[in-house]
């Protein structure tokens, strides 16, 4: 059997802080009597520093995305799942609730169980997979109250290190007033 403490900080002699993690193993004999304790301590300061940097970067990215005025989402191209969204997208599509985890883009903005297709609502993901280039389409979306709006959707590919498209970032600008003026 072994015991492990949650990571904790200690102050070194020079006044600096480090993070430690420790474990203790109990060694028993054939009669189940404790004969030895084996313990070790690991300095995990570098790991904690890396975790802190990742958390700060995530907060920064979320802050930057939230400052975009148009509803904006990041979508995984294989699953169509919304992996990141800004406050404007949340407000437009779900109101005060959070956007559900693992929701697909077409479920969020089209109230549909299937991806967009056809000339009326061309799928930007399919276009970007084919061209690997930014695309701009007009879509009909549904707001959180069920009403329809028309958006100019600008989608930009996000590439991995091997230049494969893995995600897209979409911004949705409400152009309903332009569509209404045309009719």
C-alpha atoms as a PDB file:
ATOM      1  CA  UNK A   1       0.000   0.000   0.000  1.00  0.00           C
ATOM      2  CA  UNK A   2       1.146   3.559  -0.604  1.00  0.00           C
ATOM      3  CA  UNK A   3       0.129   7.063   0.368  1.00  0.00           C
ATOM      4  CA  UNK A   4       0.553  10.224  -1.619  1.00  0.00           C
ATOM      5  CA  UNK A   5       0.077  13.839  -0.528  1.00  0.00           C
ATOM      6  CA  UNK A   6      -1.344  16.571  -2.682  1.00  0.00           C
ATOM      7  CA  UNK A   7       1.486  18.734  -4.094  1.00  0.00           C
ATOM      8  CA  UNK A   8       2.577  21.429  -1.676  1.00  0.00           C
ATOM      9  CA  UNK A   9       4.965  24.370  -1.552  1.00  0.00           C
ATOM     10  CA  UNK A  10       7.952  24.793   0.713  1.00  0.00           C
ATOM     11  CA  UNK A  11      10.353  27.658   1.212  1.00  0.00           C
ATOM     12  CA  UNK A  12      13.972  26.928   0.464  1.00  0.00           C
ATOM     13  CA  UNK A  13      16.822  28.300   2.520  1.00  0.00           C
ATOM     14  CA  UNK A  14      17.368  31.107  -0.008  1.00  0.00           C
ATOM     15  CA  UNK A  15      13.705  32.227   0.342  1.00  0.00           C
ATOM     16  CA  UNK A  16      12.470  30.825  -2.963  1.00  0.00           C
ATOM     17  CA  UNK A  17       9.426  28.573  -3.167  1.00  0.00           C
ATOM     18  CA  UNK A  18       9.368  25.156  -4.744  1.00  0.00           C
ATOM     19  CA  UNK A  19       6.601  22.616  -5.284  1.00  0.00           C
ATOM     20  CA  UNK A  20       6.999  19.109  -3.932  1.00  0.00           C
ATOM     21  CA  UNK A  21       5.114  15.859  -4.227  1.00  0.00           C
ATOM     22  CA  UNK A  22       5.812  12.923  -1.958  1.00  0.00           C
ATOM     23  CA  UNK A  23       4.792   9.300  -1.688  1.00  0.00           C
ATOM     24  CA  UNK A  24       5.267   6.707   1.037  1.00  0.00           C
ATOM     25  CA  UNK A  25       5.184   2.982   0.400  1.00  0.00           C
ATOM     26  CA  UNK A  26       4.517   0.529   3.216  1.00  0.00           C
ATOM     27  CA  UNK A  27       6.432  -2.740   3.019  1.00  0.00           C
ATOM     28  CA  UNK A  28       5.059  -5.679   4.987  1.00  0.00           C
ATOM     29  CA  UNK A  29       6.418  -9.123   5.834  1.00  0.00           C
ATOM     30  CA  UNK A  30       4.666 -12.448   5.270  1.00  0.00           C
ATOM     31  CA  UNK A  31       2.637 -11.905   8.494  1.00  0.00           C
ATOM     32  CA  UNK A  32       1.411  -8.536   7.191  1.00  0.00           C
ATOM     33  CA  UNK A  33       3.502  -6.618   9.744  1.00  0.00           C
ATOM     34  CA  UNK A  34       4.984  -3.312   8.637  1.00  0.00           C
ATOM     35  CA  UNK A  35       8.729  -3.777   8.272  1.00  0.00           C
ATOM     36  CA  UNK A  36       9.791  -0.765   6.250  1.00  0.00           C
ATOM     37  CA  UNK A  37       8.612   2.516   4.916  1.00  0.00           C
ATOM     38  CA  UNK A  38       9.942   3.695   1.625  1.00  0.00           C
ATOM     39  CA  UNK A  39       9.380   7.336   0.769  1.00  0.00           C
ATOM     40  CA  UNK A  40      10.467   9.733  -1.890  1.00  0.00           C
ATOM     41  CA  UNK A  41      10.014  13.416  -2.645  1.00  0.00           C
ATOM     42  CA  UNK A  42       9.953  14.896  -6.126  1.00  0.00           C
ATOM     43  CA  UNK A  43      10.485  18.542  -7.008  1.00  0.00           C
ATOM     44  CA  UNK A  44       7.596  19.332  -9.384  1.00  0.00           C
ATOM     45  CA  UNK A  45       8.206  23.084  -9.610  1.00  0.00           C
ATOM     46  CA  UNK A  46       8.761  22.977 -13.386  1.00  0.00           C
ATOM     47  CA  UNK A  47       5.499  21.077 -13.858  1.00  0.00           C
ATOM     48  CA  UNK A  48       3.569  23.552 -11.687  1.00  0.00           C
ATOM     49  CA  UNK A  49       5.144  26.484 -13.543  1.00  0.00           C
ATOM     50  CA  UNK A  50       4.116  24.932 -16.879  1.00  0.00           C
ATOM     51  CA  UNK A  51       0.551  24.351 -15.610  1.00  0.00           C
ATOM     52  CA  UNK A  52       0.351  27.955 -14.451  1.00  0.00           C
ATOM     53  CA  UNK A  53       1.581  29.208 -17.842  1.00  0.00           C
ATOM     54  CA  UNK A  54      -0.994  27.071 -19.658  1.00  0.00           C
ATOM     55  CA  UNK A  55      -3.786  28.377 -17.404  1.00  0.00           C
ATOM     56  CA  UNK A  56      -2.676  31.988 -17.946  1.00  0.00           C
ATOM     57  CA  UNK A  57      -2.481  31.460 -21.723  1.00  0.00           C
ATOM     58  CA  UNK A  58      -5.944  29.875 -21.733  1.00  0.00           C
ATOM     59  CA  UNK A  59      -7.386  32.811 -19.804  1.00  0.00           C
ATOM     60  CA  UNK A  60      -5.655  35.245 -22.176  1.00  0.00           C
ATOM     61  CA  UNK A  61      -6.996  33.457 -25.277  1.00  0.00           C
ATOM     62  CA  UNK A  62     -10.506  33.404 -23.790  1.00  0.00           C
ATOM     63  CA  UNK A  63     -10.240  37.126 -22.981  1.00  0.00           C
ATOM     64  CA  UNK A  64      -9.094  37.916 -26.536  1.00  0.00           C
ATOM     65  CA  UNK A  65     -11.881  35.799 -28.076  1.00  0.00           C
ATOM     66  CA  UNK A  66     -14.460  37.430 -25.784  1.00  0.00           C
ATOM     67  CA  UNK A  67     -13.458  40.912 -26.981  1.00  0.00           C
ATOM     68  CA  UNK A  68     -14.527  40.066 -30.559  1.00  0.00           C
ATOM     69  CA  UNK A  69     -17.873  41.791 -31.058  1.00  0.00           C
ATOM     70  CA  UNK A  70     -19.290  39.264 -33.533  1.00  0.00           C
ATOM     71  CA  UNK A  71     -20.339  35.817 -32.321  1.00  0.00           C
ATOM     72  CA  UNK A  72     -17.246  33.655 -32.816  1.00  0.00           C
ATOM     73  CA  UNK A  73     -16.705  29.917 -32.419  1.00  0.00           C
ATOM     74  CA  UNK A  74     -13.865  27.459 -32.953  1.00  0.00           C
ATOM     75  CA  UNK A  75     -15.001  24.156 -34.473  1.00  0.00           C
ATOM     76  CA  UNK A  76     -13.263  20.771 -34.711  1.00  0.00           C
ATOM     77  CA  UNK A  77     -13.509  19.763 -38.382  1.00  0.00           C
ATOM     78  CA  UNK A  78     -13.718  16.016 -37.733  1.00  0.00           C
ATOM     79  CA  UNK A  79     -16.497  16.080 -35.137  1.00  0.00           C
ATOM     80  CA  UNK A  80     -18.128  19.453 -35.940  1.00  0.00           C
ATOM     81  CA  UNK A  81     -18.007  20.149 -32.187  1.00  0.00           C
ATOM     82  CA  UNK A  82     -17.742  23.691 -30.883  1.00  0.00           C
ATOM     83  CA  UNK A  83     -14.544  23.691 -28.806  1.00  0.00           C
ATOM     84  CA  UNK A  84     -14.348  27.397 -27.944  1.00  0.00           C
ATOM     85  CA  UNK A  85     -16.791  30.290 -28.146  1.00  0.00           C
ATOM     86  CA  UNK A  86     -17.013  33.920 -27.139  1.00  0.00           C
ATOM     87  CA  UNK A  87     -19.582  35.771 -25.049  1.00  0.00           C
ATOM     88  CA  UNK A  88     -21.339  37.122 -28.151  1.00  0.00           C
ATOM     89  CA  UNK A  89     -21.905  33.574 -29.489  1.00  0.00           C
ATOM     90  CA  UNK A  90     -23.132  32.399 -26.115  1.00  0.00           C
ATOM     91  CA  UNK A  91     -25.581  35.305 -25.864  1.00  0.00           C
ATOM     92  CA  UNK A  92     -26.867  34.873 -29.429  1.00  0.00           C
ATOM     93  CA  UNK A  93     -27.338  31.107 -29.398  1.00  0.00           C
ATOM     94  CA  UNK A  94     -28.083  30.121 -25.786  1.00  0.00           C
ATOM     95  CA  UNK A  95     -28.660  33.346 -23.851  1.00  0.00           C
ATOM     96  CA  UNK A  96     -27.444  33.230 -20.272  1.00  0.00           C
ATOM     97  CA  UNK A  97     -26.657  29.499 -20.319  1.00  0.00           C
ATOM     98  CA  UNK A  98     -23.296  28.027 -21.254  1.00  0.00           C
ATOM     99  CA  UNK A  99     -22.998  26.388 -24.637  1.00  0.00           C
ATOM    100  CA  UNK A 100     -23.244  22.643 -23.967  1.00  0.00           C
ATOM    101  CA  UNK A 101     -20.044  20.623 -24.150  1.00  0.00           C
ATOM    102  CA  UNK A 102     -19.748  18.530 -27.328  1.00  0.00           C
ATOM    103  CA  UNK A 103     -22.500  20.433 -29.148  1.00  0.00           C
ATOM    104  CA  UNK A 104     -22.064  20.401 -32.897  1.00  0.00           C
ATOM    105  CA  UNK A 105     -22.031  23.675 -34.826  1.00  0.00           C
ATOM    106  CA  UNK A 106     -25.156  22.802 -36.829  1.00  0.00           C
ATOM    107  CA  UNK A 107     -27.020  21.971 -33.607  1.00  0.00           C
ATOM    108  CA  UNK A 108     -25.993  25.299 -32.101  1.00  0.00           C
ATOM    109  CA  UNK A 109     -26.785  27.695 -34.938  1.00  0.00           C
ATOM    110  CA  UNK A 110     -29.160  25.754 -37.210  1.00  0.00           C
ATOM    111  CA  UNK A 111     -31.118  23.645 -34.706  1.00  0.00           C
ATOM    112  CA  UNK A 112     -30.302  20.739 -37.017  1.00  0.00           C
ATOM    113  CA  UNK A 113     -28.969  17.253 -36.395  1.00  0.00           C
ATOM    114  CA  UNK A 114     -27.102  17.275 -39.731  1.00  0.00           C
ATOM    115  CA  UNK A 115     -24.312  19.510 -41.078  1.00  0.00           C
ATOM    116  CA  UNK A 116     -25.170  22.309 -43.492  1.00  0.00           C
ATOM    117  CA  UNK A 117     -25.228  21.552 -47.192  1.00  0.00           C
ATOM    118  CA  UNK A 118     -26.510  22.798 -50.497  1.00  0.00           C
ATOM    119  CA  UNK A 119     -26.405  26.206 -52.077  1.00  0.00           C
ATOM    120  CA  UNK A 120     -28.660  27.868 -49.486  1.00  0.00           C
ATOM    121  CA  UNK A 121     -26.463  26.925 -46.513  1.00  0.00           C
ATOM    122  CA  UNK A 122     -23.086  25.701 -47.808  1.00  0.00           C
ATOM    123  CA  UNK A 123     -20.911  24.110 -45.142  1.00  0.00           C
ATOM    124  CA  UNK A 124     -17.786  26.198 -44.547  1.00  0.00           C
ATOM    125  CA  UNK A 125     -16.003  23.220 -43.006  1.00  0.00           C
ATOM    126  CA  UNK A 126     -16.362  21.218 -46.226  1.00  0.00           C
ATOM    127  CA  UNK A 127     -15.177  24.193 -48.289  1.00  0.00           C
ATOM    128  CA  UNK A 128     -12.122  24.749 -46.090  1.00  0.00           C
ATOM    129  CA  UNK A 129     -11.193  21.056 -46.113  1.00  0.00           C
ATOM    130  CA  UNK A 130     -11.183  21.193 -49.929  1.00  0.00           C
ATOM    131  CA  UNK A 131      -9.401  24.532 -50.384  1.00  0.00           C
ATOM    132  CA  UNK A 132      -7.476  25.079 -47.109  1.00  0.00           C
ATOM    133  CA  UNK A 133      -8.433  28.747 -47.526  1.00  0.00           C
ATOM    134  CA  UNK A 134     -10.645  31.251 -45.762  1.00  0.00           C
ATOM    135  CA  UNK A 135     -14.250  31.272 -46.905  1.00  0.00           C
ATOM    136  CA  UNK A 136     -17.208  33.610 -46.621  1.00  0.00           C
ATOM    137  CA  UNK A 137     -20.806  32.423 -46.877  1.00  0.00           C
ATOM    138  CA  UNK A 138     -24.253  33.692 -45.979  1.00  0.00           C
ATOM    139  CA  UNK A 139     -26.226  31.496 -43.609  1.00  0.00           C
ATOM    140  CA  UNK A 140     -29.598  31.462 -41.933  1.00  0.00           C
ATOM    141  CA  UNK A 141     -29.125  30.923 -38.171  1.00  0.00           C
ATOM    142  CA  UNK A 142     -31.499  30.560 -35.261  1.00  0.00           C
ATOM    143  CA  UNK A 143     -31.172  32.773 -32.206  1.00  0.00           C
ATOM    144  CA  UNK A 144     -31.781  31.474 -28.679  1.00  0.00           C
ATOM    145  CA  UNK A 145     -35.404  32.662 -28.871  1.00  0.00           C
ATOM    146  CA  UNK A 146     -36.005  30.674 -32.075  1.00  0.00           C
ATOM    147  CA  UNK A 147     -36.083  33.674 -34.398  1.00  0.00           C
ATOM    148  CA  UNK A 148     -34.147  33.557 -37.664  1.00  0.00           C
ATOM    149  CA  UNK A 149     -31.271  35.859 -38.503  1.00  0.00           C
ATOM    150  CA  UNK A 150     -29.065  35.995 -41.561  1.00  0.00           C
ATOM    151  CA  UNK A 151     -25.339  36.043 -40.931  1.00  0.00           C
ATOM    152  CA  UNK A 152     -22.292  36.634 -43.018  1.00  0.00           C
ATOM    153  CA  UNK A 153     -20.113  33.792 -41.827  1.00  0.00           C
ATOM    154  CA  UNK A 154     -16.352  34.165 -42.198  1.00  0.00           C
ATOM    155  CA  UNK A 155     -14.455  30.938 -41.578  1.00  0.00           C
ATOM    156  CA  UNK A 156     -10.678  30.646 -41.356  1.00  0.00           C
ATOM    157  CA  UNK A 157      -8.734  27.372 -41.176  1.00  0.00           C
ATOM    158  CA  UNK A 158      -6.537  26.487 -38.201  1.00  0.00           C
ATOM    159  CA  UNK A 159      -3.630  24.217 -39.124  1.00  0.00           C
ATOM    160  CA  UNK A 160      -1.575  21.698 -37.158  1.00  0.00           C
ATOM    161  CA  UNK A 161       2.228  21.471 -37.402  1.00  0.00           C
ATOM    162  CA  UNK A 162       1.924  19.284 -40.529  1.00  0.00           C
ATOM    163  CA  UNK A 163      -0.234  21.885 -42.329  1.00  0.00           C
ATOM    164  CA  UNK A 164      -3.425  19.850 -41.951  1.00  0.00           C
ATOM    165  CA  UNK A 165      -6.639  21.721 -41.198  1.00  0.00           C
ATOM    166  CA  UNK A 166      -7.782  20.612 -37.738  1.00  0.00           C
ATOM    167  CA  UNK A 167     -10.176  23.363 -36.712  1.00  0.00           C
ATOM    168  CA  UNK A 168     -11.822  26.454 -38.090  1.00  0.00           C
ATOM    169  CA  UNK A 169     -12.639  29.744 -36.458  1.00  0.00           C
ATOM    170  CA  UNK A 170     -15.929  31.289 -37.536  1.00  0.00           C
ATOM    171  CA  UNK A 171     -17.301  34.777 -36.968  1.00  0.00           C
ATOM    172  CA  UNK A 172     -21.004  35.423 -37.575  1.00  0.00           C
ATOM    173  CA  UNK A 173     -22.023  38.981 -38.471  1.00  0.00           C
ATOM    174  CA  UNK A 174     -25.746  39.675 -38.394  1.00  0.00           C
ATOM    175  CA  UNK A 175     -26.706  41.020 -41.827  1.00  0.00           C
ATOM    176  CA  UNK A 176     -30.451  40.559 -41.467  1.00  0.00           C
ATOM    177  CA  UNK A 177     -31.132  44.246 -42.131  1.00  0.00           C
ATOM    178  CA  UNK A 178     -29.273  44.018 -45.477  1.00  0.00           C
ATOM    179  CA  UNK A 179     -31.251  40.929 -46.524  1.00  0.00           C
ATOM    180  CA  UNK A 180     -34.533  42.599 -45.545  1.00  0.00           C
ATOM    181  CA  UNK A 181     -33.638  45.746 -47.533  1.00  0.00           C
ATOM    182  CA  UNK A 182     -32.899  43.621 -50.629  1.00  0.00           C
ATOM    183  CA  UNK A 183     -36.343  41.999 -50.520  1.00  0.00           C
END
